[in-house]
Amino acid sequence: MWIYKTMLKTLIKRLNHSPLSRKEQGLFAERLSLLLGASMSLPESIAIMRHAFGKRREISFTKLESSLDSGASFESALSGSPLGFSRILILAARIGERSGTLAESLATAGNQIERRRTIQGGLMSSLTYPAVIFMASVGIIAFLVFFIMPKIMPTIESLHVPLPI
């Protein structure tokens, strides 16, 4: 019984600390950019983002908030976060903090992440058709070699005609 409880606790812990997907990271950057552009402070914006991403990510966003409250830079808070932020977002935070244009840097990073996600999705969908055709061709050739050819070979050999290679 205790094994099931341990497994359940581990599963809940992993769900709470799972990294953000690329789509979620793009949304995070765009929404945070809007909040910072509306003259909200960074900790307040992160608190709003914690509620926007729901209870599943609440613990991770709370850790992000606490690292900001303890005086860490936004870049180091993002890189140490269990949410697994992409390198683009971390570099945008560094540039934005140093230049004083955090909202603009985050908006640009959000657009870049979304563009990259769109390109990768298009690439995967465009490679799906050739992969399916290739696998079907390999399947047909294997079917011919292993099932059809053994049944035809006795008939061809009985003709006593030399066969090409």
Protein backbone atom coordinates (compact mmCIF):
# COMPACT_ATOMS: atom_id res chain seq x y z
CA MET A 1 0.00 0.00 0.00
CA TRP A 2 2.83 2.40 0.83
CA ILE A 3 4.32 1.75 -2.63
CA TYR A 4 1.19 3.14 -4.26
CA LYS A 5 1.26 6.20 -2.02
CA THR A 6 4.92 6.81 -2.88
CA MET A 7 4.22 6.38 -6.58
CA LEU A 8 1.26 8.76 -6.36
CA LYS A 9 3.35 11.37 -4.54
CA THR A 10 6.11 11.06 -7.16
CA LEU A 11 3.59 11.40 -9.98
CA ILE A 12 2.03 14.50 -8.41
CA LYS A 13 5.48 15.98 -7.84
CA ARG A 14 6.44 15.40 -11.48
CA LEU A 15 3.19 16.90 -12.72
CA ASN A 16 3.74 19.99 -10.59
CA HIS A 17 7.33 20.41 -11.77
CA SER A 18 6.95 19.46 -15.41
CA PRO A 19 8.62 21.91 -17.80
CA LEU A 20 6.56 24.32 -19.84
CA SER A 21 5.96 23.38 -23.45
CA ARG A 22 7.12 25.72 -26.20
CA LYS A 23 3.60 26.98 -26.68
CA GLU A 24 3.29 27.70 -22.96
CA GLN A 25 6.68 29.45 -22.94
CA GLY A 26 5.58 31.67 -25.83
CA LEU A 27 2.36 32.51 -23.99
CA PHE A 28 4.33 33.16 -20.80
CA ALA A 29 6.65 35.61 -22.57
CA GLU A 30 3.84 37.43 -24.39
CA ARG A 31 1.60 37.72 -21.31
CA LEU A 32 4.47 38.79 -19.06
CA SER A 33 5.44 41.38 -21.64
CA LEU A 34 1.91 42.78 -21.62
CA LEU A 35 1.82 42.92 -17.82
CA LEU A 36 5.20 44.63 -17.60
CA GLY A 37 4.17 47.02 -20.36
CA ALA A 38 1.19 47.97 -18.20
CA SER A 39 3.62 49.21 -15.51
CA MET A 40 3.19 46.27 -13.16
CA SER A 41 6.15 45.12 -11.12
CA LEU A 42 7.85 41.84 -11.96
CA PRO A 43 6.79 39.97 -8.77
CA GLU A 44 3.18 41.08 -9.26
CA SER A 45 3.28 39.94 -12.87
CA ILE A 46 4.69 36.55 -11.91
CA ALA A 47 1.94 36.19 -9.27
CA ILE A 48 -0.67 36.84 -11.96
CA MET A 49 1.04 34.36 -14.24
CA ARG A 50 0.95 31.78 -11.45
CA HIS A 51 -2.83 32.03 -11.39
CA ALA A 52 -3.05 32.07 -15.19
CA PHE A 53 -1.21 28.75 -15.54
CA GLY A 54 -3.36 27.04 -12.94
CA LYS A 55 -2.79 24.87 -9.91
CA ARG A 56 -0.68 22.36 -11.80
CA ARG A 57 2.21 24.82 -12.07
CA GLU A 58 1.55 26.76 -8.89
CA ILE A 59 4.46 25.30 -6.91
CA SER A 60 6.95 26.05 -9.69
CA PHE A 61 5.74 29.61 -10.08
CA THR A 62 5.86 30.06 -6.30
CA LYS A 63 9.54 29.01 -6.37
CA LEU A 64 10.13 31.50 -9.18
CA GLU A 65 8.45 34.24 -7.12
CA SER A 66 10.44 33.40 -3.99
CA SER A 67 13.74 33.52 -5.87
CA LEU A 68 12.79 36.96 -7.22
CA ASP A 69 11.77 38.11 -3.74
CA SER A 70 15.10 36.96 -2.34
CA GLY A 71 16.88 39.37 -4.67
CA ALA A 72 17.92 37.12 -7.55
CA SER A 73 17.95 38.57 -11.04
CA PHE A 74 15.14 37.59 -13.37
CA GLU A 75 17.60 35.77 -15.62
CA SER A 76 18.96 33.60 -12.79
CA ALA A 77 15.43 32.98 -11.49
CA LEU A 78 14.37 31.73 -14.92
CA SER A 79 17.45 29.56 -15.40
CA GLY A 80 17.07 27.98 -11.96
CA SER A 81 13.34 27.43 -12.31
CA PRO A 82 11.92 23.89 -12.54
CA LEU A 83 9.71 25.13 -15.39
CA GLY A 84 12.53 24.56 -17.88
CA PHE A 85 12.58 27.87 -19.71
CA SER A 86 14.24 27.94 -23.11
CA ARG A 87 17.58 29.58 -23.78
CA ILE A 88 15.88 32.24 -25.91
CA LEU A 89 13.72 33.36 -22.99
CA ILE A 90 16.64 33.39 -20.54
CA LEU A 91 18.80 35.45 -22.90
CA ALA A 92 15.90 37.83 -23.54
CA ALA A 93 15.54 38.29 -19.78
CA ARG A 94 19.27 39.05 -19.49
CA ILE A 95 19.18 41.58 -22.33
CA GLY A 96 15.97 43.16 -21.08
CA GLU A 97 17.23 43.53 -17.53
CA ARG A 98 20.51 45.07 -18.57
CA SER A 99 19.02 47.45 -21.13
CA GLY A 100 15.86 48.36 -19.22
CA THR A 101 13.59 47.04 -21.97
CA LEU A 102 12.37 43.81 -20.38
CA ALA A 103 8.84 44.03 -21.78
CA GLU A 104 10.06 44.52 -25.36
CA SER A 105 12.67 41.78 -25.03
CA LEU A 106 10.08 39.33 -23.70
CA ALA A 107 7.66 40.21 -26.52
CA THR A 108 10.40 39.56 -29.08
CA ALA A 109 11.33 36.28 -27.38
CA GLY A 110 7.68 35.20 -27.35
CA ASN A 111 7.40 35.90 -31.07
CA GLN A 112 10.65 34.02 -31.72
CA ILE A 113 9.52 30.99 -29.72
CA GLU A 114 6.16 30.94 -31.51
CA ARG A 115 7.83 31.27 -34.92
CA ARG A 116 10.24 28.43 -34.12
CA ARG A 117 7.36 26.24 -32.92
CA THR A 118 5.41 26.94 -36.10
CA ILE A 119 8.40 26.12 -38.32
CA GLN A 120 9.11 22.87 -36.47
CA GLY A 121 5.44 21.87 -36.63
CA GLY A 122 5.37 22.55 -40.37
CA LEU A 123 8.58 20.63 -40.88
CA MET A 124 7.27 17.61 -38.99
CA SER A 125 3.99 17.61 -40.89
CA SER A 126 5.78 17.96 -44.23
CA LEU A 127 8.10 15.04 -43.39
CA THR A 128 5.25 12.78 -42.35
CA TYR A 129 4.05 12.00 -45.89
CA PRO A 130 7.46 10.91 -47.26
CA ALA A 131 8.04 8.80 -44.15
CA VAL A 132 4.70 7.04 -44.59
CA ILE A 133 5.39 6.41 -48.29
CA PHE A 134 8.86 5.05 -47.48
CA MET A 135 7.52 2.69 -44.82
CA ALA A 136 4.76 1.48 -47.16
CA SER A 137 7.33 0.82 -49.89
CA VAL A 138 9.54 -1.15 -47.52
CA GLY A 139 6.49 -3.13 -46.40
CA ILE A 140 5.45 -3.94 -49.97
CA ILE A 141 8.97 -5.02 -50.95
CA ALA A 142 9.24 -7.21 -47.85
CA PHE A 143 5.86 -8.77 -48.63
CA LEU A 144 6.94 -9.52 -52.21
CA VAL A 145 10.31 -10.97 -51.21
CA PHE A 146 9.17 -13.11 -48.28
CA PHE A 147 5.67 -14.24 -49.33
CA ILE A 148 5.15 -13.95 -53.08
CA MET A 149 8.60 -14.90 -54.40
CA PRO A 150 8.82 -18.24 -52.48
CA LYS A 151 5.48 -19.28 -54.01
CA ILE A 152 6.42 -18.28 -57.58
CA MET A 153 9.98 -19.66 -57.59
CA PRO A 154 9.00 -23.35 -58.03
CA THR A 155 6.93 -22.45 -61.10
CA ILE A 156 9.72 -20.39 -62.65
CA GLU A 157 12.33 -23.08 -61.92
CA SER A 158 10.15 -25.76 -63.53
CA LEU A 159 10.37 -23.89 -66.87
CA HIS A 160 14.16 -24.60 -67.00
CA VAL A 161 14.84 -21.12 -68.35
CA PRO A 162 17.94 -19.26 -67.17
CA LEU A 163 16.90 -16.37 -64.95
CA PRO A 164 18.70 -13.04 -64.78
CA ILE A 165 20.27 -12.05 -61.53
